[in-house]
């Protein structure tokens, strides 16, 4: 039995279904991300798990116990919100210890757990500072410490890094993931940032219009998205309409104009959509002829727009310090056999 189980979870507001029949099983100690665009139902799902929103239908079980009639403060769940929600008039130690005080934990035990948790998030020397004296990243670590100090069974993270700048976000993703592994706490992260979900989670559940449309390990979901929506949402891709001219188990033979391409995946009809990830494409001596229409420098990478017989292709190549192909340059685009994928609507 999974540690957290959602069965047929539904939340309606009038005639609108914010969450529409979500089934999900999360193992103890697993880090799962609910990923999707704004309005897809991911935060509503998280708030129902926390107990802040009542489901219209369905079941939520934590550790085999149905929590439908259990108040949020009795579910033993830690929550970190986007805003951090720190008390400005309290020190770091007082903020972290607030939940323990509300639970009636004795002062000596409270002090020990506050000190241990601040050490875990590398804020031991900041215990007597106030939130306004901290950076955004430090405030986030205080919010995380406050959630962890009560020793919750489940940690919920609701877009916790969206207010941080890009560099700090990168640092905090790694730090939070490291802390989660050290304490081995079951964690659910809600985010609309695919890089964040792919980097941090053991599994990613992609949501669209209130439903989970794809779930799996980050690499699996990225490489085999299954649908146009998931493919587009998880990074850049080239999507090309094609005719199906042949099939074999797990593969389809596609024609685009005069070009024929073998792709992974079963095409359900005589028409299909081909997906080619830009980073899976290369410039080589042999391949599909093309002309570089534009090139953009991205620091660690070059982004090329190449006109070819199958349409315009985005190609991402690493910046290796050598010469790059200029606009107007003639190239040949190649790819490995497992790069082309059939995706469904």
C-alpha atoms as a PDB file:
ATOM      1  CA  UNK A   1       0.000   0.000   0.000  1.00  0.00           C
ATOM      2  CA  UNK A   2       1.298   3.445  -0.956  1.00  0.00           C
ATOM      3  CA  UNK A   3       1.875   6.002   1.807  1.00  0.00           C
ATOM      4  CA  UNK A   4      -0.356   8.652   0.171  1.00  0.00           C
ATOM      5  CA  UNK A   5      -3.298   7.590  -1.979  1.00  0.00           C
ATOM      6  CA  UNK A   6      -5.727   9.812  -3.865  1.00  0.00           C
ATOM      7  CA  UNK A   7      -8.702   7.971  -5.312  1.00  0.00           C
ATOM      8  CA  UNK A   8     -11.198   9.615  -7.671  1.00  0.00           C
ATOM      9  CA  UNK A   9     -10.426  13.045  -6.200  1.00  0.00           C
ATOM     10  CA  UNK A  10     -12.760  15.778  -7.467  1.00  0.00           C
ATOM     11  CA  UNK A  11     -13.217  19.441  -6.627  1.00  0.00           C
ATOM     12  CA  UNK A  12     -15.955  21.447  -8.309  1.00  0.00           C
ATOM     13  CA  UNK A  13     -16.736  25.131  -8.022  1.00  0.00           C
ATOM     14  CA  UNK A  14     -20.269  25.360  -9.357  1.00  0.00           C
ATOM     15  CA  UNK A  15     -20.213  23.604 -12.716  1.00  0.00           C
ATOM     16  CA  UNK A  16     -16.434  23.962 -13.106  1.00  0.00           C
ATOM     17  CA  UNK A  17     -14.230  21.008 -12.165  1.00  0.00           C
ATOM     18  CA  UNK A  18     -10.918  22.335 -10.836  1.00  0.00           C
ATOM     19  CA  UNK A  19      -9.840  18.746 -10.139  1.00  0.00           C
ATOM     20  CA  UNK A  20     -11.557  16.052 -12.159  1.00  0.00           C
ATOM     21  CA  UNK A  21     -10.970  12.487 -10.980  1.00  0.00           C
ATOM     22  CA  UNK A  22      -7.336  12.351  -9.828  1.00  0.00           C
ATOM     23  CA  UNK A  23      -5.898   8.953  -8.876  1.00  0.00           C
ATOM     24  CA  UNK A  24      -2.401   9.042  -7.418  1.00  0.00           C
ATOM     25  CA  UNK A  25      -0.196   6.804  -5.250  1.00  0.00           C
ATOM     26  CA  UNK A  26       2.960   8.170  -3.598  1.00  0.00           C
ATOM     27  CA  UNK A  27       5.402   5.905  -1.772  1.00  0.00           C
ATOM     28  CA  UNK A  28       6.918   6.701   1.624  1.00  0.00           C
ATOM     29  CA  UNK A  29      10.010   8.874   1.207  1.00  0.00           C
ATOM     30  CA  UNK A  30       9.239   9.666  -2.439  1.00  0.00           C
ATOM     31  CA  UNK A  31       9.560  13.157  -3.927  1.00  0.00           C
ATOM     32  CA  UNK A  32       6.751  13.745  -6.425  1.00  0.00           C
ATOM     33  CA  UNK A  33       6.059  16.908  -8.412  1.00  0.00           C
ATOM     34  CA  UNK A  34       2.640  18.026  -9.638  1.00  0.00           C
ATOM     35  CA  UNK A  35       3.501  19.957 -12.776  1.00  0.00           C
ATOM     36  CA  UNK A  36       1.251  21.962 -15.057  1.00  0.00           C
ATOM     37  CA  UNK A  37       0.128  25.402 -16.245  1.00  0.00           C
ATOM     38  CA  UNK A  38      -1.859  27.853 -14.139  1.00  0.00           C
ATOM     39  CA  UNK A  39      -5.410  26.645 -13.551  1.00  0.00           C
ATOM     40  CA  UNK A  40      -4.682  22.955 -14.182  1.00  0.00           C
ATOM     41  CA  UNK A  41      -5.697  21.920 -10.636  1.00  0.00           C
ATOM     42  CA  UNK A  42      -2.314  21.183  -9.089  1.00  0.00           C
ATOM     43  CA  UNK A  43      -2.536  23.677  -6.191  1.00  0.00           C
ATOM     44  CA  UNK A  44      -6.151  22.714  -5.497  1.00  0.00           C
ATOM     45  CA  UNK A  45      -5.044  19.084  -5.269  1.00  0.00           C
ATOM     46  CA  UNK A  46      -2.304  20.063  -2.814  1.00  0.00           C
ATOM     47  CA  UNK A  47      -4.709  22.111  -0.694  1.00  0.00           C
ATOM     48  CA  UNK A  48      -7.125  19.158  -0.505  1.00  0.00           C
ATOM     49  CA  UNK A  49      -4.297  16.909   0.721  1.00  0.00           C
ATOM     50  CA  UNK A  50      -3.417  19.523   3.339  1.00  0.00           C
ATOM     51  CA  UNK A  51      -7.064  19.804   4.412  1.00  0.00           C
ATOM     52  CA  UNK A  52      -7.486  23.475   3.537  1.00  0.00           C
ATOM     53  CA  UNK A  53      -9.968  22.662   0.733  1.00  0.00           C
ATOM     54  CA  UNK A  54     -12.736  20.067   1.042  1.00  0.00           C
ATOM     55  CA  UNK A  55     -13.067  17.599  -1.864  1.00  0.00           C
ATOM     56  CA  UNK A  56     -16.356  17.374  -3.728  1.00  0.00           C
ATOM     57  CA  UNK A  57     -15.772  13.638  -4.137  1.00  0.00           C
ATOM     58  CA  UNK A  58     -13.038  11.051  -3.736  1.00  0.00           C
ATOM     59  CA  UNK A  59     -10.763   9.771  -1.006  1.00  0.00           C
ATOM     60  CA  UNK A  60      -7.472  10.915   0.510  1.00  0.00           C
ATOM     61  CA  UNK A  61      -5.544   8.370   2.589  1.00  0.00           C
ATOM     62  CA  UNK A  62      -2.262   9.012   4.408  1.00  0.00           C
ATOM     63  CA  UNK A  63      -0.537   5.993   5.870  1.00  0.00           C
ATOM     64  CA  UNK A  64      -3.658   3.939   5.170  1.00  0.00           C
ATOM     65  CA  UNK A  65      -5.866   6.334   7.168  1.00  0.00           C
ATOM     66  CA  UNK A  66      -8.715   8.219   5.485  1.00  0.00           C
ATOM     67  CA  UNK A  67      -8.179  11.866   6.432  1.00  0.00           C
ATOM     68  CA  UNK A  68     -11.461  13.256   5.060  1.00  0.00           C
ATOM     69  CA  UNK A  69     -12.786  14.183   8.500  1.00  0.00           C
ATOM     70  CA  UNK A  70      -9.446  15.108  10.083  1.00  0.00           C
ATOM     71  CA  UNK A  71      -8.665  18.796  10.574  1.00  0.00           C
ATOM     72  CA  UNK A  72      -5.543  20.207   8.858  1.00  0.00           C
ATOM     73  CA  UNK A  73      -3.664  20.693  12.137  1.00  0.00           C
ATOM     74  CA  UNK A  74      -4.219  17.026  13.029  1.00  0.00           C
ATOM     75  CA  UNK A  75      -2.938  15.564   9.738  1.00  0.00           C
ATOM     76  CA  UNK A  76       0.753  15.996  10.695  1.00  0.00           C
ATOM     77  CA  UNK A  77       1.606  17.695   7.415  1.00  0.00           C
ATOM     78  CA  UNK A  78       4.214  20.405   6.853  1.00  0.00           C
ATOM     79  CA  UNK A  79       3.433  23.067   4.247  1.00  0.00           C
ATOM     80  CA  UNK A  80       5.717  25.659   2.640  1.00  0.00           C
ATOM     81  CA  UNK A  81       3.837  28.370   0.769  1.00  0.00           C
ATOM     82  CA  UNK A  82       4.950  30.630  -2.053  1.00  0.00           C
ATOM     83  CA  UNK A  83       4.917  33.685   0.222  1.00  0.00           C
ATOM     84  CA  UNK A  84       6.879  31.961   3.051  1.00  0.00           C
ATOM     85  CA  UNK A  85       4.320  33.490   5.508  1.00  0.00           C
ATOM     86  CA  UNK A  86       6.893  34.298   8.216  1.00  0.00           C
ATOM     87  CA  UNK A  87       5.896  36.357  11.257  1.00  0.00           C
ATOM     88  CA  UNK A  88       7.849  39.647  10.905  1.00  0.00           C
ATOM     89  CA  UNK A  89       7.810  40.382  14.655  1.00  0.00           C
ATOM     90  CA  UNK A  90       9.348  36.990  15.557  1.00  0.00           C
ATOM     91  CA  UNK A  91      12.977  35.933  15.348  1.00  0.00           C
ATOM     92  CA  UNK A  92      14.034  33.042  13.148  1.00  0.00           C
ATOM     93  CA  UNK A  93      14.045  30.693  16.146  1.00  0.00           C
ATOM     94  CA  UNK A  94      10.593  31.877  17.230  1.00  0.00           C
ATOM     95  CA  UNK A  95       9.214  31.431  13.723  1.00  0.00           C
ATOM     96  CA  UNK A  96      10.611  27.911  13.480  1.00  0.00           C
ATOM     97  CA  UNK A  97       9.366  26.980  16.956  1.00  0.00           C
ATOM     98  CA  UNK A  98       5.862  28.399  16.551  1.00  0.00           C
ATOM     99  CA  UNK A  99       4.299  25.093  15.504  1.00  0.00           C
ATOM    100  CA  UNK A 100       5.978  23.260  18.353  1.00  0.00           C
ATOM    101  CA  UNK A 101       4.653  25.796  20.851  1.00  0.00           C
ATOM    102  CA  UNK A 102       1.129  25.379  19.462  1.00  0.00           C
ATOM    103  CA  UNK A 103       1.502  21.610  19.958  1.00  0.00           C
ATOM    104  CA  UNK A 104       2.510  22.092  23.583  1.00  0.00           C
ATOM    105  CA  UNK A 105       6.048  20.755  23.176  1.00  0.00           C
ATOM    106  CA  UNK A 106       8.115  21.391  26.322  1.00  0.00           C
ATOM    107  CA  UNK A 107      10.595  24.295  26.201  1.00  0.00           C
ATOM    108  CA  UNK A 108      13.727  22.141  26.481  1.00  0.00           C
ATOM    109  CA  UNK A 109      12.606  19.762  23.721  1.00  0.00           C
ATOM    110  CA  UNK A 110      11.458  22.720  21.643  1.00  0.00           C
ATOM    111  CA  UNK A 111      14.868  24.402  21.883  1.00  0.00           C
ATOM    112  CA  UNK A 112      16.660  21.187  20.897  1.00  0.00           C
ATOM    113  CA  UNK A 113      14.486  20.603  17.844  1.00  0.00           C
ATOM    114  CA  UNK A 114      14.745  24.231  16.728  1.00  0.00           C
ATOM    115  CA  UNK A 115      18.542  24.081  16.949  1.00  0.00           C
ATOM    116  CA  UNK A 116      18.736  20.758  15.089  1.00  0.00           C
ATOM    117  CA  UNK A 117      16.436  21.953  12.313  1.00  0.00           C
ATOM    118  CA  UNK A 118      18.220  25.287  11.867  1.00  0.00           C
ATOM    119  CA  UNK A 119      21.481  23.356  11.561  1.00  0.00           C
ATOM    120  CA  UNK A 120      19.854  21.147   8.913  1.00  0.00           C
ATOM    121  CA  UNK A 121      18.969  24.179   6.767  1.00  0.00           C
ATOM    122  CA  UNK A 122      22.300  25.922   7.502  1.00  0.00           C
ATOM    123  CA  UNK A 123      20.836  28.770   9.560  1.00  0.00           C
ATOM    124  CA  UNK A 124      22.230  27.967  12.997  1.00  0.00           C
ATOM    125  CA  UNK A 125      23.940  31.373  13.191  1.00  0.00           C
ATOM    126  CA  UNK A 126      20.756  33.272  12.262  1.00  0.00           C
ATOM    127  CA  UNK A 127      18.463  32.141  15.091  1.00  0.00           C
ATOM    128  CA  UNK A 128      18.078  35.619  16.629  1.00  0.00           C
ATOM    129  CA  UNK A 129      17.612  37.562  13.412  1.00  0.00           C
ATOM    130  CA  UNK A 130      14.273  38.788  12.109  1.00  0.00           C
ATOM    131  CA  UNK A 131      12.865  37.960   8.648  1.00  0.00           C
ATOM    132  CA  UNK A 132      13.553  41.464   7.317  1.00  0.00           C
ATOM    133  CA  UNK A 133      17.249  40.898   8.064  1.00  0.00           C
ATOM    134  CA  UNK A 134      17.396  37.825   5.803  1.00  0.00           C
ATOM    135  CA  UNK A 135      17.769  37.299   2.073  1.00  0.00           C
ATOM    136  CA  UNK A 136      15.003  35.641   0.060  1.00  0.00           C
ATOM    137  CA  UNK A 137      16.827  32.320   0.108  1.00  0.00           C
ATOM    138  CA  UNK A 138      17.347  32.500   3.866  1.00  0.00           C
ATOM    139  CA  UNK A 139      13.671  33.294   4.413  1.00  0.00           C
ATOM    140  CA  UNK A 140      12.767  30.277   2.323  1.00  0.00           C
ATOM    141  CA  UNK A 141      14.999  28.065   4.464  1.00  0.00           C
ATOM    142  CA  UNK A 142      13.287  29.412   7.586  1.00  0.00           C
ATOM    143  CA  UNK A 143       9.903  28.480   6.100  1.00  0.00           C
ATOM    144  CA  UNK A 144      11.245  25.021   5.274  1.00  0.00           C
ATOM    145  CA  UNK A 145      12.656  24.613   8.792  1.00  0.00           C
ATOM    146  CA  UNK A 146       9.313  25.618  10.301  1.00  0.00           C
ATOM    147  CA  UNK A 147       7.605  22.912   8.248  1.00  0.00           C
ATOM    148  CA  UNK A 148      10.184  20.242   9.127  1.00  0.00           C
ATOM    149  CA  UNK A 149      10.629  20.946  12.837  1.00  0.00           C
ATOM    150  CA  UNK A 150       7.244  19.410  13.725  1.00  0.00           C
ATOM    151  CA  UNK A 151       8.489  16.128  12.188  1.00  0.00           C
ATOM    152  CA  UNK A 152       5.619  15.805   9.685  1.00  0.00           C
ATOM    153  CA  UNK A 153       4.696  12.615   7.877  1.00  0.00           C
ATOM    154  CA  UNK A 154       4.257  14.552   4.648  1.00  0.00           C
ATOM    155  CA  UNK A 155       5.825  17.757   3.275  1.00  0.00           C
ATOM    156  CA  UNK A 156       3.884  19.893   0.780  1.00  0.00           C
ATOM    157  CA  UNK A 157       5.652  22.610  -1.237  1.00  0.00           C
ATOM    158  CA  UNK A 158       3.411  25.069  -3.087  1.00  0.00           C
ATOM    159  CA  UNK A 159       5.473  26.981  -5.695  1.00  0.00           C
ATOM    160  CA  UNK A 160       8.049  27.717  -2.965  1.00  0.00           C
ATOM    161  CA  UNK A 161      10.684  29.249  -5.257  1.00  0.00           C
ATOM    162  CA  UNK A 162       8.608  31.381  -7.614  1.00  0.00           C
ATOM    163  CA  UNK A 163       9.489  34.638  -5.825  1.00  0.00           C
ATOM    164  CA  UNK A 164      13.261  34.064  -5.955  1.00  0.00           C
ATOM    165  CA  UNK A 165      15.598  35.285  -8.687  1.00  0.00           C
ATOM    166  CA  UNK A 166      16.848  32.783 -11.278  1.00  0.00           C
ATOM    167  CA  UNK A 167      20.281  32.104  -9.763  1.00  0.00           C
ATOM    168  CA  UNK A 168      18.916  31.675  -6.250  1.00  0.00           C
ATOM    169  CA  UNK A 169      16.173  29.386  -7.562  1.00  0.00           C
ATOM    170  CA  UNK A 170      18.804  27.090  -9.036  1.00  0.00           C
ATOM    171  CA  UNK A 171      20.702  26.936  -5.743  1.00  0.00           C
ATOM    172  CA  UNK A 172      17.579  26.330  -3.647  1.00  0.00           C
ATOM    173  CA  UNK A 173      16.323  23.512  -5.903  1.00  0.00           C
ATOM    174  CA  UNK A 174      19.472  21.534  -5.191  1.00  0.00           C
ATOM    175  CA  UNK A 175      19.447  22.411  -1.494  1.00  0.00           C
ATOM    176  CA  UNK A 176      15.813  21.430  -0.912  1.00  0.00           C
ATOM    177  CA  UNK A 177      16.307  18.187  -2.797  1.00  0.00           C
ATOM    178  CA  UNK A 178      19.372  17.402  -0.671  1.00  0.00           C
ATOM    179  CA  UNK A 179      17.491  18.099   2.565  1.00  0.00           C
ATOM    180  CA  UNK A 180      14.559  15.959   1.444  1.00  0.00           C
ATOM    181  CA  UNK A 181      16.882  13.037   0.803  1.00  0.00           C
ATOM    182  CA  UNK A 182      18.609  13.423   4.156  1.00  0.00           C
ATOM    183  CA  UNK A 183      15.391  13.415   6.179  1.00  0.00           C
ATOM    184  CA  UNK A 184      13.682  10.910   3.815  1.00  0.00           C
ATOM    185  CA  UNK A 185      10.324  12.663   4.065  1.00  0.00           C
ATOM    186  CA  UNK A 186       7.508  12.051   1.592  1.00  0.00           C
ATOM    187  CA  UNK A 187       7.268  15.286  -0.408  1.00  0.00           C
ATOM    188  CA  UNK A 188       4.929  16.760  -3.002  1.00  0.00           C
ATOM    189  CA  UNK A 189       6.022  19.834  -4.931  1.00  0.00           C
ATOM    190  CA  UNK A 190       3.577  21.943  -6.944  1.00  0.00           C
ATOM    191  CA  UNK A 191       5.217  23.921  -9.738  1.00  0.00           C
ATOM    192  CA  UNK A 192       4.653  25.253 -13.255  1.00  0.00           C
ATOM    193  CA  UNK A 193       8.418  25.226 -13.887  1.00  0.00           C
ATOM    194  CA  UNK A 194       9.374  22.092 -15.817  1.00  0.00           C
ATOM    195  CA  UNK A 195      13.102  22.486 -15.056  1.00  0.00           C
ATOM    196  CA  UNK A 196      12.310  22.557 -11.356  1.00  0.00           C
ATOM    197  CA  UNK A 197      10.135  19.439 -11.530  1.00  0.00           C
ATOM    198  CA  UNK A 198      12.586  17.461 -13.653  1.00  0.00           C
ATOM    199  CA  UNK A 199      15.552  18.337 -11.444  1.00  0.00           C
ATOM    200  CA  UNK A 200      14.008  17.755  -8.031  1.00  0.00           C
ATOM    201  CA  UNK A 201      11.427  14.974  -8.282  1.00  0.00           C
ATOM    202  CA  UNK A 202      11.669  11.188  -8.286  1.00  0.00           C
ATOM    203  CA  UNK A 203       8.482  11.207 -10.377  1.00  0.00           C
ATOM    204  CA  UNK A 204       6.590  13.908 -12.235  1.00  0.00           C
ATOM    205  CA  UNK A 205       2.801  13.996 -12.631  1.00  0.00           C
ATOM    206  CA  UNK A 206       1.791  16.383 -15.419  1.00  0.00           C
ATOM    207  CA  UNK A 207      -1.688  17.873 -14.984  1.00  0.00           C
ATOM    208  CA  UNK A 208      -4.011  19.435 -17.556  1.00  0.00           C
ATOM    209  CA  UNK A 209      -7.579  20.627 -16.983  1.00  0.00           C
ATOM    210  CA  UNK A 210      -7.894  18.946 -13.610  1.00  0.00           C
ATOM    211  CA  UNK A 211      -6.475  15.562 -14.601  1.00  0.00           C
ATOM    212  CA  UNK A 212      -3.124  13.793 -14.495  1.00  0.00           C
ATOM    213  CA  UNK A 213      -2.264  13.195 -18.148  1.00  0.00           C
ATOM    214  CA  UNK A 214       1.227  11.696 -17.748  1.00  0.00           C
ATOM    215  CA  UNK A 215       3.180  10.350 -14.789  1.00  0.00           C
ATOM    216  CA  UNK A 216       6.606   8.778 -14.574  1.00  0.00           C
ATOM    217  CA  UNK A 217      10.260   9.357 -13.835  1.00  0.00           C
ATOM    218  CA  UNK A 218      11.523  12.727 -15.150  1.00  0.00           C
ATOM    219  CA  UNK A 219      13.619  11.240 -17.971  1.00  0.00           C
ATOM    220  CA  UNK A 220      10.802   8.929 -19.060  1.00  0.00           C
ATOM    221  CA  UNK A 221       8.205  11.698 -19.152  1.00  0.00           C
ATOM    222  CA  UNK A 222      10.519  14.046 -21.038  1.00  0.00           C
ATOM    223  CA  UNK A 223      11.680  11.515 -23.614  1.00  0.00           C
ATOM    224  CA  UNK A 224       8.319   9.781 -24.041  1.00  0.00           C
ATOM    225  CA  UNK A 225       5.686  12.470 -23.371  1.00  0.00           C
ATOM    226  CA  UNK A 226       2.887  10.619 -25.161  1.00  0.00           C
ATOM    227  CA  UNK A 227       0.843  13.685 -26.089  1.00  0.00           C
ATOM    228  CA  UNK A 228       1.306  17.020 -27.839  1.00  0.00           C
ATOM    229  CA  UNK A 229       0.382  18.864 -24.625  1.00  0.00           C
ATOM    230  CA  UNK A 230       3.008  17.138 -22.459  1.00  0.00           C
ATOM    231  CA  UNK A 231       5.608  17.371 -25.208  1.00  0.00           C
ATOM    232  CA  UNK A 232       5.065  21.116 -25.604  1.00  0.00           C
ATOM    233  CA  UNK A 233       4.891  21.788 -21.874  1.00  0.00           C
ATOM    234  CA  UNK A 234       8.138  19.976 -21.078  1.00  0.00           C
ATOM    235  CA  UNK A 235      10.683  22.113 -22.873  1.00  0.00           C
ATOM    236  CA  UNK A 236      11.114  23.005 -26.533  1.00  0.00           C
ATOM    237  CA  UNK A 237      10.257  20.597 -29.320  1.00  0.00           C
ATOM    238  CA  UNK A 238       9.714  20.493 -33.063  1.00  0.00           C
ATOM    239  CA  UNK A 239       6.207  19.236 -33.854  1.00  0.00           C
ATOM    240  CA  UNK A 240       5.673  18.250 -37.472  1.00  0.00           C
ATOM    241  CA  UNK A 241       2.499  16.811 -39.081  1.00  0.00           C
ATOM    242  CA  UNK A 242       3.161  13.621 -41.020  1.00  0.00           C
ATOM    243  CA  UNK A 243       1.472  10.826 -42.956  1.00  0.00           C
ATOM    244  CA  UNK A 244       1.746   7.269 -41.638  1.00  0.00           C
ATOM    245  CA  UNK A 245       3.003   4.906 -44.339  1.00  0.00           C
ATOM    246  CA  UNK A 246       4.008   1.883 -42.271  1.00  0.00           C
ATOM    247  CA  UNK A 247       3.908   0.288 -38.844  1.00  0.00           C
ATOM    248  CA  UNK A 248       5.897  -2.224 -36.826  1.00  0.00           C
ATOM    249  CA  UNK A 249       5.670  -3.046 -33.090  1.00  0.00           C
ATOM    250  CA  UNK A 250       6.366   0.157 -31.169  1.00  0.00           C
ATOM    251  CA  UNK A 251       7.411   2.132 -34.265  1.00  0.00           C
ATOM    252  CA  UNK A 252       5.833   4.075 -37.132  1.00  0.00           C
ATOM    253  CA  UNK A 253       7.116   4.962 -40.596  1.00  0.00           C
ATOM    254  CA  UNK A 254       6.229   8.564 -41.416  1.00  0.00           C
ATOM    255  CA  UNK A 255       6.340  10.648 -44.570  1.00  0.00           C
ATOM    256  CA  UNK A 256       6.721  14.429 -44.572  1.00  0.00           C
ATOM    257  CA  UNK A 257       6.731  15.670 -48.140  1.00  0.00           C
ATOM    258  CA  UNK A 258       9.355  13.540 -49.901  1.00  0.00           C
ATOM    259  CA  UNK A 259      11.179  12.659 -46.646  1.00  0.00           C
ATOM    260  CA  UNK A 260      10.566   9.379 -44.791  1.00  0.00           C
ATOM    261  CA  UNK A 261      11.376   9.030 -41.086  1.00  0.00           C
ATOM    262  CA  UNK A 262      11.165   6.103 -38.642  1.00  0.00           C
ATOM    263  CA  UNK A 263       9.769   7.159 -35.241  1.00  0.00           C
ATOM    264  CA  UNK A 264       9.185   5.520 -31.885  1.00  0.00           C
ATOM    265  CA  UNK A 265       5.519   5.135 -30.971  1.00  0.00           C
ATOM    266  CA  UNK A 266       2.325   3.724 -32.404  1.00  0.00           C
ATOM    267  CA  UNK A 267       0.397   6.107 -34.660  1.00  0.00           C
ATOM    268  CA  UNK A 268      -3.354   5.646 -34.025  1.00  0.00           C
ATOM    269  CA  UNK A 269      -4.471   6.728 -37.536  1.00  0.00           C
ATOM    270  CA  UNK A 270      -3.135   7.571 -40.974  1.00  0.00           C
ATOM    271  CA  UNK A 271      -1.996  10.987 -39.758  1.00  0.00           C
ATOM    272  CA  UNK A 272       0.462  11.588 -36.935  1.00  0.00           C
ATOM    273  CA  UNK A 273       2.536  14.285 -35.263  1.00  0.00           C
ATOM    274  CA  UNK A 274       6.291  13.845 -35.152  1.00  0.00           C
ATOM    275  CA  UNK A 275       8.271  15.276 -32.225  1.00  0.00           C
ATOM    276  CA  UNK A 276      11.994  16.040 -32.476  1.00  0.00           C
ATOM    277  CA  UNK A 277      13.641  17.596 -29.426  1.00  0.00           C
ATOM    278  CA  UNK A 278      16.069  20.396 -30.469  1.00  0.00           C
ATOM    279  CA  UNK A 279      18.881  19.097 -28.260  1.00  0.00           C
ATOM    280  CA  UNK A 280      18.645  15.654 -29.912  1.00  0.00           C
ATOM    281  CA  UNK A 281      19.531  17.175 -33.291  1.00  0.00           C
ATOM    282  CA  UNK A 282      23.065  17.678 -34.557  1.00  0.00           C
ATOM    283  CA  UNK A 283      24.962  19.145 -37.494  1.00  0.00           C
ATOM    284  CA  UNK A 284      26.809  16.359 -39.292  1.00  0.00           C
ATOM    285  CA  UNK A 285      28.378  15.411 -42.618  1.00  0.00           C
ATOM    286  CA  UNK A 286      25.310  13.366 -43.542  1.00  0.00           C
ATOM    287  CA  UNK A 287      21.685  14.129 -42.821  1.00  0.00           C
ATOM    288  CA  UNK A 288      18.771  16.319 -43.823  1.00  0.00           C
ATOM    289  CA  UNK A 289      19.989  19.370 -45.820  1.00  0.00           C
ATOM    290  CA  UNK A 290      19.103  22.751 -44.348  1.00  0.00           C
ATOM    291  CA  UNK A 291      19.916  26.439 -44.197  1.00  0.00           C
ATOM    292  CA  UNK A 292      20.498  28.354 -40.952  1.00  0.00           C
ATOM    293  CA  UNK A 293      17.849  31.081 -40.843  1.00  0.00           C
ATOM    294  CA  UNK A 294      18.941  32.490 -37.481  1.00  0.00           C
ATOM    295  CA  UNK A 295      21.160  31.696 -34.516  1.00  0.00           C
ATOM    296  CA  UNK A 296      20.949  32.928 -30.933  1.00  0.00           C
ATOM    297  CA  UNK A 297      23.706  32.739 -28.321  1.00  0.00           C
ATOM    298  CA  UNK A 298      22.412  31.446 -24.950  1.00  0.00           C
ATOM    299  CA  UNK A 299      25.653  31.261 -22.973  1.00  0.00           C
ATOM    300  CA  UNK A 300      26.136  27.533 -22.659  1.00  0.00           C
ATOM    301  CA  UNK A 301      24.277  26.808 -25.891  1.00  0.00           C
ATOM    302  CA  UNK A 302      23.475  28.032 -29.385  1.00  0.00           C
ATOM    303  CA  UNK A 303      19.874  27.996 -30.598  1.00  0.00           C
ATOM    304  CA  UNK A 304      19.565  27.610 -34.370  1.00  0.00           C
ATOM    305  CA  UNK A 305      16.497  27.969 -36.590  1.00  0.00           C
ATOM    306  CA  UNK A 306      17.067  25.823 -39.674  1.00  0.00           C
ATOM    307  CA  UNK A 307      14.913  25.664 -42.808  1.00  0.00           C
ATOM    308  CA  UNK A 308      14.602  22.099 -44.152  1.00  0.00           C
ATOM    309  CA  UNK A 309      12.437  19.992 -46.460  1.00  0.00           C
ATOM    310  CA  UNK A 310      10.305  18.908 -43.468  1.00  0.00           C
ATOM    311  CA  UNK A 311       9.839  22.461 -42.212  1.00  0.00           C
ATOM    312  CA  UNK A 312      11.653  24.802 -39.879  1.00  0.00           C
ATOM    313  CA  UNK A 313      13.600  23.007 -37.140  1.00  0.00           C
ATOM    314  CA  UNK A 314      14.953  24.363 -33.874  1.00  0.00           C
ATOM    315  CA  UNK A 315      18.390  22.905 -33.152  1.00  0.00           C
ATOM    316  CA  UNK A 316      20.205  23.368 -29.816  1.00  0.00           C
ATOM    317  CA  UNK A 317      23.936  22.754 -29.799  1.00  0.00           C
ATOM    318  CA  UNK A 318      26.367  23.142 -26.882  1.00  0.00           C
ATOM    319  CA  UNK A 319      28.772  26.061 -26.842  1.00  0.00           C
ATOM    320  CA  UNK A 320      32.066  24.225 -27.115  1.00  0.00           C
ATOM    321  CA  UNK A 321      34.198  27.305 -27.597  1.00  0.00           C
ATOM    322  CA  UNK A 322      34.760  26.791 -31.316  1.00  0.00           C
ATOM    323  CA  UNK A 323      33.222  28.424 -34.341  1.00  0.00           C
ATOM    324  CA  UNK A 324      29.479  28.326 -34.766  1.00  0.00           C
ATOM    325  CA  UNK A 325      27.488  28.127 -37.988  1.00  0.00           C
ATOM    326  CA  UNK A 326      26.475  31.667 -39.075  1.00  0.00           C
ATOM    327  CA  UNK A 327      23.135  32.734 -40.479  1.00  0.00           C
ATOM    328  CA  UNK A 328      22.828  31.630 -44.078  1.00  0.00           C
ATOM    329  CA  UNK A 329      25.152  28.675 -43.534  1.00  0.00           C
ATOM    330  CA  UNK A 330      24.368  25.350 -45.191  1.00  0.00           C
ATOM    331  CA  UNK A 331      24.131  22.390 -42.807  1.00  0.00           C
ATOM    332  CA  UNK A 332      22.948  18.811 -42.595  1.00  0.00           C
ATOM    333  CA  UNK A 333      20.765  17.905 -39.626  1.00  0.00           C
ATOM    334  CA  UNK A 334      21.013  14.405 -38.157  1.00  0.00           C
ATOM    335  CA  UNK A 335      19.575  12.553 -35.163  1.00  0.00           C
ATOM    336  CA  UNK A 336      19.811   9.217 -33.359  1.00  0.00           C
ATOM    337  CA  UNK A 337      17.284   6.502 -34.154  1.00  0.00           C
ATOM    338  CA  UNK A 338      15.414   6.973 -30.849  1.00  0.00           C
ATOM    339  CA  UNK A 339      15.043  10.771 -31.174  1.00  0.00           C
ATOM    340  CA  UNK A 340      11.931  10.915 -33.432  1.00  0.00           C
ATOM    341  CA  UNK A 341       8.729  10.272 -31.443  1.00  0.00           C
ATOM    342  CA  UNK A 342       5.078   9.974 -32.382  1.00  0.00           C
ATOM    343  CA  UNK A 343       2.896  12.087 -30.076  1.00  0.00           C
ATOM    344  CA  UNK A 344      -0.889  12.096 -29.782  1.00  0.00           C
ATOM    345  CA  UNK A 345      -3.239  15.060 -29.642  1.00  0.00           C
END
